[in-house]
N, C-alpha and C. Protein backbone atom coordinates (compact mmCIF):
# COMPACT_ATOMS: atom_id res chain seq x y z
N MET A 1 92.43 115.02 132.00
CA MET A 1 92.86 113.48 132.02
C MET A 1 93.85 113.38 130.84
N THR A 2 95.09 112.83 131.18
CA THR A 2 95.96 112.59 130.00
C THR A 2 95.57 111.28 129.26
N LYS A 3 96.27 110.97 128.31
CA LYS A 3 96.11 109.67 127.44
C LYS A 3 96.53 108.59 128.53
N GLU A 4 97.54 108.74 129.22
CA GLU A 4 98.01 107.58 130.23
C GLU A 4 96.95 107.52 131.41
N GLU A 5 96.43 108.54 131.89
CA GLU A 5 95.53 108.44 132.75
C GLU A 5 94.25 107.79 132.38
N LEU A 6 93.77 108.08 131.09
CA LEU A 6 92.67 107.31 130.49
C LEU A 6 92.93 105.88 130.44
N LYS A 7 94.15 105.46 129.98
CA LYS A 7 94.50 103.95 129.85
C LYS A 7 94.47 103.41 131.28
N LEU A 8 94.98 104.05 132.29
CA LEU A 8 95.08 103.50 133.62
C LEU A 8 93.60 103.24 134.17
N ASN A 9 92.68 104.18 133.75
CA ASN A 9 91.37 104.10 134.32
C ASN A 9 90.37 103.28 133.59
N LEU A 10 90.87 102.79 132.30
CA LEU A 10 90.19 101.81 131.52
C LEU A 10 90.90 100.61 131.45
N ASN A 11 91.19 99.81 132.42
CA ASN A 11 91.98 98.78 132.51
C ASN A 11 91.68 97.56 131.77
N ASN A 12 90.31 97.57 131.42
CA ASN A 12 89.95 96.33 130.32
C ASN A 12 89.84 96.68 128.87
N VAL A 13 90.43 97.81 128.58
CA VAL A 13 90.38 98.36 127.13
C VAL A 13 91.72 98.15 126.60
N ASP A 14 91.90 97.42 125.43
CA ASP A 14 93.19 97.06 124.93
C ASP A 14 93.71 98.41 124.07
N ASP A 15 94.98 98.33 123.64
CA ASP A 15 95.73 99.46 123.10
C ASP A 15 95.17 99.84 121.65
N ASN A 16 94.65 98.87 120.90
CA ASN A 16 93.95 99.23 119.63
C ASN A 16 92.65 100.11 119.94
N LYS A 17 91.95 99.74 121.00
CA LYS A 17 90.75 100.49 121.22
C LYS A 17 91.10 101.87 121.79
N LEU A 18 92.10 101.92 122.53
CA LEU A 18 92.47 103.17 123.20
C LEU A 18 93.04 104.09 122.04
N SER A 19 93.59 103.56 121.08
CA SER A 19 94.02 104.34 119.93
C SER A 19 92.86 104.91 119.10
N LEU A 20 91.80 104.11 119.05
CA LEU A 20 90.63 104.62 118.27
C LEU A 20 90.03 105.75 119.09
N LEU A 21 89.83 105.54 120.33
CA LEU A 21 89.33 106.56 121.20
C LEU A 21 90.12 107.93 121.12
N GLU A 22 91.35 107.73 121.14
CA GLU A 22 92.25 108.96 120.90
C GLU A 22 91.89 109.59 119.51
N ARG A 23 91.78 108.79 118.43
CA ARG A 23 91.43 109.35 117.28
C ARG A 23 90.01 110.00 117.28
N LEU A 24 89.13 109.29 117.96
CA LEU A 24 87.76 109.88 118.01
C LEU A 24 87.90 111.26 118.71
N ILE A 25 88.65 111.45 119.51
CA ILE A 25 88.80 112.77 120.23
C ILE A 25 89.33 113.87 119.36
N ASP A 26 90.37 113.43 118.49
CA ASP A 26 90.84 114.31 117.52
C ASP A 26 89.86 114.68 116.41
N VAL A 27 89.24 113.62 115.89
CA VAL A 27 88.31 114.00 114.83
C VAL A 27 87.20 114.76 115.30
N THR A 28 86.63 114.53 116.57
CA THR A 28 85.50 115.33 117.00
C THR A 28 85.97 116.82 117.25
N LEU A 29 87.11 117.03 117.71
CA LEU A 29 87.65 118.31 118.06
C LEU A 29 87.81 119.14 116.89
N GLU A 30 88.47 118.39 115.73
CA GLU A 30 88.57 118.94 114.43
C GLU A 30 87.23 119.42 113.82
N THR A 31 86.28 118.55 113.84
CA THR A 31 85.01 118.90 113.29
C THR A 31 84.42 120.03 114.14
N ASN A 32 84.65 120.15 115.37
CA ASN A 32 84.03 121.17 116.18
C ASN A 32 84.64 122.49 115.86
N GLU A 33 85.71 122.60 115.19
CA GLU A 33 86.18 123.93 114.67
C GLU A 33 85.31 124.49 113.58
N LYS A 34 84.61 123.54 112.78
CA LYS A 34 83.73 124.03 111.79
C LYS A 34 82.37 124.11 112.18
N PHE A 35 81.85 123.13 113.04
CA PHE A 35 80.57 123.06 113.49
C PHE A 35 80.47 122.88 114.99
N ASN A 36 79.51 123.51 115.49
CA ASN A 36 79.24 123.41 117.03
C ASN A 36 78.72 121.97 117.54
N LEU A 37 79.73 121.12 117.81
CA LEU A 37 79.31 119.79 118.27
C LEU A 37 79.28 119.79 119.76
N THR A 38 80.19 120.30 120.34
CA THR A 38 80.38 120.21 121.75
C THR A 38 80.98 121.54 122.40
N ALA A 39 80.74 121.81 123.75
CA ALA A 39 81.22 123.07 124.22
C ALA A 39 82.68 122.79 124.84
N ILE A 40 83.00 121.51 124.97
CA ILE A 40 84.32 121.10 125.56
C ILE A 40 85.31 120.98 124.39
N LYS A 41 86.38 121.97 124.50
CA LYS A 41 87.24 122.05 123.50
C LYS A 41 88.71 121.62 123.81
N ASP A 42 88.92 121.51 125.21
CA ASP A 42 90.24 121.26 125.72
C ASP A 42 90.37 119.58 125.49
N LYS A 43 91.42 119.01 124.98
CA LYS A 43 91.65 117.72 124.81
C LYS A 43 91.44 116.77 126.20
N ASP A 44 92.31 117.38 127.12
CA ASP A 44 92.31 116.58 128.35
C ASP A 44 90.80 116.60 128.99
N ALA A 45 90.24 117.58 129.02
CA ALA A 45 88.92 117.63 129.54
C ALA A 45 87.92 116.69 128.64
N PHE A 46 88.07 116.73 127.42
CA PHE A 46 87.32 116.00 126.54
C PHE A 46 87.37 114.39 126.73
N ARG A 47 88.71 114.02 127.14
CA ARG A 47 88.99 112.71 127.48
C ARG A 47 88.13 112.22 128.67
N GLU A 48 88.07 112.97 129.65
CA GLU A 48 87.48 112.63 130.89
C GLU A 48 85.91 112.83 130.80
N LEU A 49 85.61 114.06 130.36
CA LEU A 49 84.18 114.47 130.55
C LEU A 49 83.24 113.95 129.25
N MET A 50 83.93 113.52 128.31
CA MET A 50 83.04 112.94 127.08
C MET A 50 83.37 111.35 126.93
N VAL A 51 84.69 111.07 126.88
CA VAL A 51 85.04 109.60 126.45
C VAL A 51 84.89 108.70 127.65
N PHE A 52 85.67 109.13 128.74
CA PHE A 52 85.62 108.25 130.04
C PHE A 52 84.19 108.20 130.58
N ASP A 53 83.64 109.37 130.65
CA ASP A 53 82.21 109.41 130.99
C ASP A 53 81.29 108.41 130.29
N SER A 54 81.42 108.46 129.01
CA SER A 54 80.56 107.77 128.12
C SER A 54 80.66 106.19 128.35
N LEU A 55 81.91 105.74 128.89
CA LEU A 55 82.13 104.31 129.10
C LEU A 55 81.74 103.79 130.46
N LEU A 56 81.26 104.65 131.34
CA LEU A 56 80.80 104.17 132.61
C LEU A 56 79.71 103.04 132.68
N PRO A 57 78.76 103.11 131.80
CA PRO A 57 77.93 101.93 131.77
C PRO A 57 78.42 100.56 131.64
N LEU A 58 79.70 100.48 131.08
CA LEU A 58 80.26 99.17 130.84
C LEU A 58 80.47 98.42 132.27
N LYS A 59 80.50 99.21 133.18
CA LYS A 59 80.68 98.64 134.53
C LYS A 59 79.34 97.85 135.06
N TYR A 60 78.29 98.18 134.37
CA TYR A 60 77.01 97.74 134.94
C TYR A 60 76.07 96.81 134.13
N VAL A 61 76.43 96.98 132.71
CA VAL A 61 75.65 96.19 131.85
C VAL A 61 76.43 95.48 130.82
N ASP A 62 76.18 94.24 130.40
CA ASP A 62 76.89 93.56 129.46
C ASP A 62 76.33 93.88 128.12
N LEU A 63 77.36 94.61 127.31
CA LEU A 63 76.99 94.99 125.97
C LEU A 63 77.78 94.12 125.00
N ASP A 64 77.20 92.99 124.96
CA ASP A 64 77.84 91.89 124.01
C ASP A 64 77.16 91.92 122.60
N SER A 65 77.72 91.08 121.76
CA SER A 65 77.23 91.03 120.33
C SER A 65 75.74 90.63 120.17
N ASN A 66 75.18 90.12 121.25
CA ASN A 66 73.79 89.85 121.09
C ASN A 66 72.83 90.82 121.30
N LYS A 67 73.33 91.96 121.89
CA LYS A 67 72.49 93.02 122.33
C LYS A 67 72.37 94.23 121.28
N THR A 68 71.13 94.79 121.22
CA THR A 68 70.92 95.87 120.26
C THR A 68 70.74 97.18 121.20
N VAL A 69 71.39 98.19 120.97
CA VAL A 69 71.28 99.33 121.85
C VAL A 69 70.93 100.61 120.93
N ILE A 70 69.96 101.47 121.40
CA ILE A 70 69.74 102.75 120.85
C ILE A 70 70.35 103.83 121.78
N ASP A 71 71.15 104.77 121.27
CA ASP A 71 71.59 105.96 122.01
C ASP A 71 70.63 107.05 121.60
N VAL A 72 69.75 107.48 122.42
CA VAL A 72 68.75 108.51 122.12
C VAL A 72 69.46 109.94 122.40
N GLY A 73 69.30 110.71 121.38
CA GLY A 73 69.87 112.15 121.49
C GLY A 73 71.43 112.01 121.58
N THR A 74 71.98 111.31 120.81
CA THR A 74 73.48 111.01 120.83
C THR A 74 74.34 112.23 120.54
N GLY A 75 73.87 113.31 120.03
CA GLY A 75 74.68 114.51 119.82
C GLY A 75 75.84 114.23 118.82
N ALA A 76 76.95 114.44 119.19
CA ALA A 76 78.11 114.04 118.29
C ALA A 76 78.65 112.74 118.42
N GLY A 77 77.75 111.81 119.03
CA GLY A 77 78.02 110.39 119.11
C GLY A 77 78.53 109.81 120.53
N PHE A 78 78.10 110.55 121.54
CA PHE A 78 78.46 110.22 122.92
C PHE A 78 77.09 110.03 123.76
N PRO A 79 77.08 108.81 124.31
CA PRO A 79 78.08 107.82 124.52
C PRO A 79 78.23 106.77 123.46
N GLY A 80 77.52 106.80 122.45
CA GLY A 80 77.36 105.62 121.49
C GLY A 80 78.62 105.39 120.79
N LEU A 81 79.43 106.25 120.48
CA LEU A 81 80.71 105.94 119.60
C LEU A 81 81.78 105.32 120.47
N PRO A 82 82.02 105.92 121.79
CA PRO A 82 83.07 105.24 122.47
C PRO A 82 82.46 103.77 123.05
N LEU A 83 81.27 103.65 123.27
CA LEU A 83 80.73 102.40 123.51
C LEU A 83 80.82 101.35 122.38
N ALA A 84 80.61 101.92 121.21
CA ALA A 84 80.74 101.01 120.07
C ALA A 84 82.08 100.48 119.82
N ILE A 85 83.16 101.39 120.12
CA ILE A 85 84.59 100.98 120.02
C ILE A 85 84.98 100.03 121.03
N CYS A 86 84.40 100.20 122.25
CA CYS A 86 84.83 99.24 123.32
C CYS A 86 83.96 98.05 123.56
N SER A 87 82.94 97.90 122.92
CA SER A 87 81.91 96.66 123.10
C SER A 87 81.49 96.20 121.82
N ASP A 88 80.81 95.01 121.83
CA ASP A 88 80.51 94.42 120.55
C ASP A 88 79.02 94.51 120.33
N ALA A 89 78.21 95.16 121.13
CA ALA A 89 76.75 95.30 120.92
C ALA A 89 76.49 96.10 119.54
N LYS A 90 75.26 95.94 119.01
CA LYS A 90 74.94 96.74 117.75
C LYS A 90 74.21 97.95 118.24
N TYR A 91 74.77 99.09 117.68
CA TYR A 91 74.20 100.41 118.10
C TYR A 91 73.46 101.16 117.10
N THR A 92 72.47 101.81 117.46
CA THR A 92 71.74 102.67 116.74
C THR A 92 71.99 104.10 117.29
N LEU A 93 72.57 104.99 116.67
CA LEU A 93 72.83 106.32 117.15
C LEU A 93 71.76 107.37 116.60
N LEU A 94 70.86 107.89 117.44
CA LEU A 94 69.72 108.71 117.00
C LEU A 94 69.97 110.12 117.50
N ASP A 95 69.87 111.10 116.45
CA ASP A 95 69.76 112.49 116.74
C ASP A 95 69.10 113.23 115.70
N SER A 96 68.46 114.41 116.03
CA SER A 96 67.65 115.08 115.11
C SER A 96 68.33 116.11 114.35
N THR A 97 69.71 116.26 114.45
CA THR A 97 70.46 117.25 113.97
C THR A 97 71.36 116.75 112.79
N ASN A 98 71.13 117.12 111.62
CA ASN A 98 71.78 116.55 110.40
C ASN A 98 73.40 116.59 110.52
N LYS A 99 73.88 117.95 110.96
CA LYS A 99 75.32 118.03 111.01
C LYS A 99 76.11 117.00 112.00
N LYS A 100 75.29 116.71 113.08
CA LYS A 100 75.86 115.73 114.05
C LYS A 100 75.85 114.33 113.50
N ILE A 101 74.74 113.99 112.83
CA ILE A 101 74.66 112.57 112.22
C ILE A 101 75.72 112.51 111.05
N GLY A 102 76.00 113.67 110.33
CA GLY A 102 77.02 113.73 109.30
C GLY A 102 78.45 113.43 109.88
N HIS A 103 78.67 113.95 111.13
CA HIS A 103 79.95 113.80 111.74
C HIS A 103 80.13 112.31 112.19
N ILE A 104 78.91 111.82 112.67
CA ILE A 104 78.99 110.31 113.05
C ILE A 104 79.30 109.39 111.88
N CYS A 105 78.71 109.70 110.69
CA CYS A 105 78.77 108.95 109.52
C CYS A 105 80.35 108.91 109.02
N ARG A 106 80.96 110.13 109.15
CA ARG A 106 82.40 110.19 108.83
C ARG A 106 83.29 109.31 109.81
N VAL A 107 82.88 109.39 111.08
CA VAL A 107 83.67 108.54 111.93
C VAL A 107 83.42 107.01 111.70
N ILE A 108 82.18 106.70 111.28
CA ILE A 108 81.94 105.27 111.09
C ILE A 108 82.63 104.80 109.96
N ASP A 109 82.69 105.64 108.81
CA ASP A 109 83.54 105.29 107.66
C ASP A 109 84.98 105.17 107.89
N GLU A 110 85.59 106.14 108.55
CA GLU A 110 87.03 106.29 108.87
C GLU A 110 87.48 105.11 109.84
N PHE A 111 86.53 104.73 110.79
CA PHE A 111 86.96 103.87 111.67
C PHE A 111 86.47 102.40 111.36
N LYS A 112 85.76 102.35 110.22
CA LYS A 112 85.19 101.11 109.77
C LYS A 112 84.37 100.30 110.91
N LEU A 113 83.56 101.07 111.54
CA LEU A 113 82.63 100.47 112.46
C LEU A 113 81.58 99.76 111.99
N GLN A 114 81.51 98.51 112.08
CA GLN A 114 80.56 97.60 111.58
C GLN A 114 79.22 97.51 112.50
N ASN A 115 79.38 97.89 113.63
CA ASN A 115 78.31 97.68 114.74
C ASN A 115 77.50 99.12 114.93
N VAL A 116 77.68 100.06 114.06
CA VAL A 116 76.89 101.20 114.23
C VAL A 116 76.05 101.69 113.13
N THR A 117 74.74 102.08 113.34
CA THR A 117 73.99 102.73 112.49
C THR A 117 73.50 104.09 112.81
N PRO A 118 73.62 105.02 112.07
CA PRO A 118 73.23 106.38 112.49
C PRO A 118 71.86 106.68 111.91
N PHE A 119 71.04 107.45 112.63
CA PHE A 119 69.70 107.82 112.08
C PHE A 119 69.30 109.14 112.59
N CYS A 120 68.96 110.03 111.60
CA CYS A 120 68.52 111.35 111.86
C CYS A 120 67.00 111.50 112.06
N ALA A 121 66.52 111.57 113.30
CA ALA A 121 65.12 111.80 113.47
C ALA A 121 64.84 112.19 114.99
N ARG A 122 63.75 112.61 115.30
CA ARG A 122 63.44 112.89 116.62
C ARG A 122 62.96 111.50 117.20
N ALA A 123 63.15 111.43 118.51
CA ALA A 123 62.84 110.08 119.18
C ALA A 123 61.42 109.60 119.07
N GLU A 124 60.41 110.59 119.18
CA GLU A 124 59.12 110.31 119.09
C GLU A 124 58.53 109.91 117.70
N GLU A 125 59.23 110.46 116.73
CA GLU A 125 59.00 110.15 115.29
C GLU A 125 59.58 108.65 114.93
N PHE A 126 60.81 108.44 115.46
CA PHE A 126 61.57 107.14 115.24
C PHE A 126 60.74 106.03 115.82
N ALA A 127 60.01 106.40 116.94
CA ALA A 127 59.37 105.23 117.61
C ALA A 127 58.23 104.75 116.79
N LEU A 128 57.71 105.58 115.93
CA LEU A 128 56.50 105.13 115.06
C LEU A 128 56.70 103.75 114.43
N ASN A 129 58.04 103.57 113.85
CA ASN A 129 58.28 102.47 113.16
C ASN A 129 59.32 101.48 113.90
N SER A 130 59.63 101.88 115.04
CA SER A 130 60.72 101.11 115.90
C SER A 130 60.32 100.74 117.29
N ARG A 131 59.01 100.60 117.48
CA ARG A 131 58.55 100.20 118.87
C ARG A 131 59.08 98.96 119.30
N GLU A 132 59.63 98.99 120.70
CA GLU A 132 60.14 97.75 121.31
C GLU A 132 61.02 96.87 120.34
N ALA A 133 61.87 97.51 119.67
CA ALA A 133 62.89 96.96 118.89
C ALA A 133 64.21 96.76 119.44
N PHE A 134 64.51 97.40 120.56
CA PHE A 134 65.86 97.19 121.13
C PHE A 134 66.01 96.57 122.48
N ASP A 135 67.02 96.00 122.71
CA ASP A 135 67.30 95.37 124.00
C ASP A 135 67.53 96.44 125.21
N TYR A 136 68.37 97.53 124.74
CA TYR A 136 68.62 98.58 125.66
C TYR A 136 68.47 99.87 125.11
N ALA A 137 68.10 100.88 125.78
CA ALA A 137 68.13 102.20 125.24
C ALA A 137 69.08 103.06 126.32
N ILE A 138 69.90 103.98 125.91
CA ILE A 138 70.77 104.82 126.63
C ILE A 138 70.56 106.22 126.31
N ALA A 139 70.73 107.00 127.26
CA ALA A 139 70.62 108.59 126.98
C ALA A 139 71.66 109.21 128.01
N ARG A 140 72.22 110.21 127.51
CA ARG A 140 73.24 111.03 128.24
C ARG A 140 72.98 112.40 128.06
N ALA A 141 72.75 113.30 129.13
CA ALA A 141 72.64 114.49 129.08
C ALA A 141 71.64 115.15 127.89
N VAL A 142 70.43 114.50 127.92
CA VAL A 142 69.48 114.70 126.88
C VAL A 142 68.29 115.69 127.40
N ALA A 143 67.77 115.18 128.48
CA ALA A 143 66.55 115.84 128.94
C ALA A 143 66.41 115.52 130.44
N SER A 144 65.39 116.01 131.15
CA SER A 144 65.06 115.53 132.47
C SER A 144 64.42 114.12 132.49
N LEU A 145 64.53 113.51 133.54
CA LEU A 145 64.37 112.08 133.57
C LEU A 145 62.87 111.77 133.17
N ASN A 146 61.88 112.60 133.76
CA ASN A 146 60.50 112.28 133.48
C ASN A 146 60.21 112.51 131.92
N GLU A 147 60.86 113.26 131.29
CA GLU A 147 60.76 113.49 129.81
C GLU A 147 61.41 112.29 129.11
N LEU A 148 62.57 112.06 129.58
CA LEU A 148 63.43 111.07 128.85
C LEU A 148 62.82 109.67 128.80
N LEU A 149 62.18 109.19 129.95
CA LEU A 149 61.53 107.90 130.03
C LEU A 149 60.53 107.84 129.02
N GLU A 150 59.65 108.72 128.78
CA GLU A 150 58.69 108.60 127.70
C GLU A 150 59.22 108.57 126.39
N LEU A 151 60.33 109.31 126.17
CA LEU A 151 60.89 109.16 124.66
C LEU A 151 61.69 107.82 124.48
N CYS A 152 62.19 107.27 125.49
CA CYS A 152 63.07 106.17 125.35
C CYS A 152 62.47 104.80 125.48
N VAL A 153 61.53 104.60 126.59
CA VAL A 153 60.94 103.39 127.07
C VAL A 153 60.18 102.68 125.83
N PRO A 154 59.44 103.41 125.02
CA PRO A 154 58.74 102.79 123.93
C PRO A 154 59.59 102.01 122.90
N LEU A 155 60.82 102.42 122.93
CA LEU A 155 61.76 101.75 122.00
C LEU A 155 62.40 100.43 122.43
N ILE A 156 62.20 100.13 123.70
CA ILE A 156 62.75 98.89 124.33
C ILE A 156 61.87 97.78 124.46
N LYS A 157 62.37 96.53 124.09
CA LYS A 157 61.65 95.36 124.31
C LYS A 157 61.14 95.22 125.74
N VAL A 158 60.09 94.41 125.84
CA VAL A 158 59.63 93.97 127.34
C VAL A 158 60.84 93.15 127.92
N GLY A 159 61.15 93.51 129.08
CA GLY A 159 62.33 92.79 129.73
C GLY A 159 63.74 93.61 129.52
N GLY A 160 63.68 94.56 128.52
CA GLY A 160 64.96 95.26 128.17
C GLY A 160 65.18 96.35 129.22
N LEU A 161 66.32 97.03 129.00
CA LEU A 161 66.75 97.98 130.08
C LEU A 161 66.91 99.34 129.47
N PHE A 162 66.72 100.28 130.32
CA PHE A 162 66.93 101.78 129.90
C PHE A 162 67.93 102.31 130.95
N ILE A 163 69.21 102.63 130.24
CA ILE A 163 70.25 103.25 131.11
C ILE A 163 70.32 104.70 130.96
N ALA A 164 70.05 105.44 132.01
CA ALA A 164 69.88 106.91 132.08
C ALA A 164 71.35 107.19 132.73
N MET A 165 72.03 108.17 132.03
CA MET A 165 73.40 108.70 132.42
C MET A 165 73.01 110.12 133.03
N LYS A 166 73.10 110.32 134.29
CA LYS A 166 72.71 111.59 134.84
C LYS A 166 73.75 112.22 135.75
N GLY A 167 73.53 113.40 136.26
CA GLY A 167 74.60 114.09 137.09
C GLY A 167 74.29 113.88 138.55
N PRO A 168 74.69 114.89 139.23
CA PRO A 168 74.61 114.90 140.79
C PRO A 168 73.15 114.86 141.34
N ARG A 169 72.26 115.50 140.54
CA ARG A 169 70.99 115.87 141.09
C ARG A 169 69.85 114.62 140.75
N SER A 170 70.46 113.49 140.53
CA SER A 170 69.63 112.47 140.09
C SER A 170 68.46 111.91 141.08
N ASP A 171 68.72 112.16 142.48
CA ASP A 171 67.70 111.93 143.42
C ASP A 171 66.55 112.69 143.22
N GLU A 172 66.64 113.97 142.92
CA GLU A 172 65.49 114.93 142.51
C GLU A 172 64.81 114.55 141.30
N GLU A 173 65.66 114.04 140.20
CA GLU A 173 64.94 113.68 138.96
C GLU A 173 64.13 112.43 139.15
N LEU A 174 64.66 111.47 140.06
CA LEU A 174 64.01 110.20 140.27
C LEU A 174 62.57 110.64 140.95
N ASP A 175 62.73 111.49 141.95
CA ASP A 175 61.45 111.77 142.67
C ASP A 175 60.40 112.47 141.73
N ASP A 176 60.85 113.29 140.86
CA ASP A 176 59.95 113.84 139.91
C ASP A 176 59.50 112.84 138.78
N ALA A 177 60.28 111.76 138.65
CA ALA A 177 59.79 110.84 137.61
C ALA A 177 59.06 109.64 138.20
N LYS A 178 58.49 109.68 139.47
CA LYS A 178 57.85 108.46 140.03
C LYS A 178 56.59 108.20 139.25
N SER A 179 55.80 109.20 138.78
CA SER A 179 54.58 108.95 137.95
C SER A 179 54.95 108.27 136.68
N ALA A 180 56.00 108.82 136.04
CA ALA A 180 56.33 108.32 134.70
C ALA A 180 56.87 106.83 134.87
N ILE A 181 57.56 106.44 135.93
CA ILE A 181 57.95 105.05 136.18
C ILE A 181 56.91 104.18 136.31
N LYS A 182 55.80 104.67 137.13
CA LYS A 182 54.68 103.83 137.18
C LYS A 182 53.87 103.66 135.97
N LYS A 183 53.66 104.67 135.20
CA LYS A 183 52.70 104.69 133.99
C LYS A 183 53.33 103.90 132.89
N LEU A 184 54.79 103.95 132.84
CA LEU A 184 55.51 103.22 131.87
C LEU A 184 55.79 101.80 132.22
N ASP A 185 55.44 101.33 133.42
CA ASP A 185 55.67 99.97 133.89
C ASP A 185 57.11 99.62 133.93
N LEU A 186 57.88 100.41 134.79
CA LEU A 186 59.39 100.23 134.84
C LEU A 186 59.62 99.90 136.41
N GLU A 187 60.73 99.24 136.39
CA GLU A 187 61.36 98.85 137.68
C GLU A 187 62.67 99.47 137.85
N VAL A 188 62.92 100.17 138.84
CA VAL A 188 64.39 100.58 139.06
C VAL A 188 65.26 99.62 139.40
N VAL A 189 66.33 99.17 138.58
CA VAL A 189 67.13 97.87 138.89
C VAL A 189 68.20 98.36 139.79
N SER A 190 68.87 99.45 139.67
CA SER A 190 70.13 99.96 140.34
C SER A 190 70.23 101.39 139.97
N ILE A 191 70.85 102.01 141.11
CA ILE A 191 71.22 103.38 141.17
C ILE A 191 72.74 103.52 141.49
N ASN A 192 73.57 103.84 140.44
CA ASN A 192 75.09 103.60 140.75
C ASN A 192 75.75 104.91 140.78
N GLU A 193 76.33 105.27 141.84
CA GLU A 193 77.04 106.44 141.93
C GLU A 193 78.47 106.45 141.53
N GLU A 194 78.84 107.38 140.73
CA GLU A 194 80.21 107.45 140.19
C GLU A 194 80.93 108.76 140.44
N GLU A 195 82.32 108.93 140.48
CA GLU A 195 82.94 110.06 140.60
C GLU A 195 84.12 109.97 139.53
N LEU A 196 84.09 111.07 138.56
CA LEU A 196 85.11 110.94 137.67
C LEU A 196 86.54 111.21 138.28
N PRO A 197 87.38 110.61 137.87
CA PRO A 197 88.80 110.43 138.58
C PRO A 197 89.62 111.72 138.65
N ILE A 198 89.52 112.62 137.71
CA ILE A 198 90.28 113.90 137.66
C ILE A 198 89.52 115.15 138.17
N SER A 199 88.37 115.30 137.59
CA SER A 199 87.64 116.50 137.93
C SER A 199 86.78 116.27 139.25
N LYS A 200 86.54 115.02 139.56
CA LYS A 200 85.77 114.65 140.67
C LYS A 200 84.35 114.98 140.55
N GLU A 201 83.82 115.17 139.33
CA GLU A 201 82.47 115.46 139.15
C GLU A 201 81.64 114.20 139.31
N LYS A 202 80.40 114.41 139.83
CA LYS A 202 79.62 113.30 140.19
C LYS A 202 78.76 112.95 139.01
N ARG A 203 78.53 111.51 139.02
CA ARG A 203 77.79 110.95 137.84
C ARG A 203 76.80 109.83 138.64
N THR A 204 75.62 109.65 137.99
CA THR A 204 74.79 108.57 138.44
C THR A 204 74.23 107.73 137.25
N ILE A 205 74.46 106.44 137.31
CA ILE A 205 74.00 105.74 136.21
C ILE A 205 72.69 104.94 136.79
N ILE A 206 71.55 105.25 136.27
CA ILE A 206 70.26 104.67 136.63
C ILE A 206 69.85 103.58 135.69
N ILE A 207 69.49 102.39 136.29
CA ILE A 207 69.22 101.40 135.12
C ILE A 207 67.68 100.98 135.51
N PHE A 208 66.89 100.84 134.58
CA PHE A 208 65.44 100.55 134.56
C PHE A 208 65.27 99.37 133.81
N LYS A 209 64.23 98.49 134.26
CA LYS A 209 63.87 97.34 133.60
C LYS A 209 62.39 97.56 133.17
N LYS A 210 62.12 97.23 131.87
CA LYS A 210 60.78 97.28 131.20
C LYS A 210 59.83 96.21 131.55
N LEU A 211 58.82 96.20 132.31
CA LEU A 211 58.10 95.07 132.74
C LEU A 211 57.02 94.59 131.78
N LYS A 212 56.38 95.65 131.02
CA LYS A 212 55.22 95.39 130.29
C LYS A 212 55.31 96.20 129.02
N ALA A 213 54.52 95.87 128.03
CA ALA A 213 54.47 96.67 126.64
C ALA A 213 53.99 97.95 126.99
N THR A 214 54.63 98.98 126.28
CA THR A 214 54.25 100.37 126.58
C THR A 214 52.98 100.73 125.79
N ASN A 215 52.00 101.40 126.48
CA ASN A 215 50.84 101.77 125.98
C ASN A 215 51.12 102.70 124.66
N LYS A 216 50.45 102.37 123.67
CA LYS A 216 50.66 102.97 122.26
C LYS A 216 50.40 104.47 122.18
N LYS A 217 49.94 105.10 123.06
CA LYS A 217 49.64 106.54 123.21
C LYS A 217 51.04 107.31 123.56
N TYR A 218 52.06 106.41 124.04
CA TYR A 218 53.34 106.93 124.21
C TYR A 218 54.32 106.57 123.23
N PRO A 219 55.35 107.40 122.92
CA PRO A 219 55.52 108.74 123.31
C PRO A 219 54.47 109.74 122.57
N ARG A 220 54.17 110.76 123.26
CA ARG A 220 53.36 111.79 122.69
C ARG A 220 54.40 112.78 121.91
N ARG A 221 53.81 113.78 121.34
CA ARG A 221 54.67 114.80 120.67
C ARG A 221 55.58 115.47 121.77
N PHE A 222 56.73 115.90 121.30
CA PHE A 222 57.62 116.53 122.42
C PHE A 222 57.17 117.66 122.98
N SER A 223 56.35 118.39 122.28
CA SER A 223 55.82 119.56 122.92
C SER A 223 54.85 119.27 124.03
N GLU A 224 54.23 118.29 123.86
CA GLU A 224 53.20 117.73 124.76
C GLU A 224 54.00 117.11 126.08
N ILE A 225 55.11 116.43 125.71
CA ILE A 225 55.80 115.83 126.81
C ILE A 225 56.58 116.93 127.70
N LYS A 226 56.99 118.01 127.01
CA LYS A 226 57.69 119.10 127.58
C LYS A 226 56.68 119.95 128.48
N ALA A 227 55.40 120.06 127.94
CA ALA A 227 54.53 120.92 128.63
C ALA A 227 53.92 120.18 129.83
N LYS A 228 53.71 118.86 129.67
CA LYS A 228 53.00 118.21 130.80
C LYS A 228 53.69 116.75 130.87
N PRO A 229 54.91 116.67 131.51
CA PRO A 229 55.65 115.39 131.59
C PRO A 229 54.65 114.37 132.44
N LEU A 230 54.93 113.05 132.19
CA LEU A 230 54.27 112.09 132.95
C LEU A 230 54.63 112.22 134.35
């Protein structure tokens, strides 16, 4: 995806934000030469598979300045940084790897992003002091859905949304997550199929609504979640 193709496919994003997205690509790829942040090193591929892909939720949820969003397992800052550049919500970017949070801190400083707070911790540890603190949680390419739900849902307010960014096997993951959806008192609001414009890779944006307060026994330690998913 070229710069022009990105602009064409993001028709609601102004030139200033597009310039910041381009700079984000450059900064991330430059840092990637020193630290392993991402396996994608080609700039055109990065535009589509990391930046454009990260912005797909904007088609389905209103991320205005009144919303608080936590990006769980943000890695090098995706989808959180592109979303923070293109929307006004207040973002917490959570990851357990120091070097990735360090990269995010440098981007925040250079870009003067006022709506982003980075935090280095595991999701299950972070939940101890931040239960039901966010309007939305979002996660992209982190874990299987039945694991991801237990990590993310305790962080969301009752009535809030969890936005799962998944690939083409989302129907299988949803089937495996039926028990987790029930135990965590969730409702599937929408399942949105997407196709990336250049690579034609399939994506699915699944949106869940939290109906009740989460039982305090969740989330369990990650080793327990991994060994016996809900």
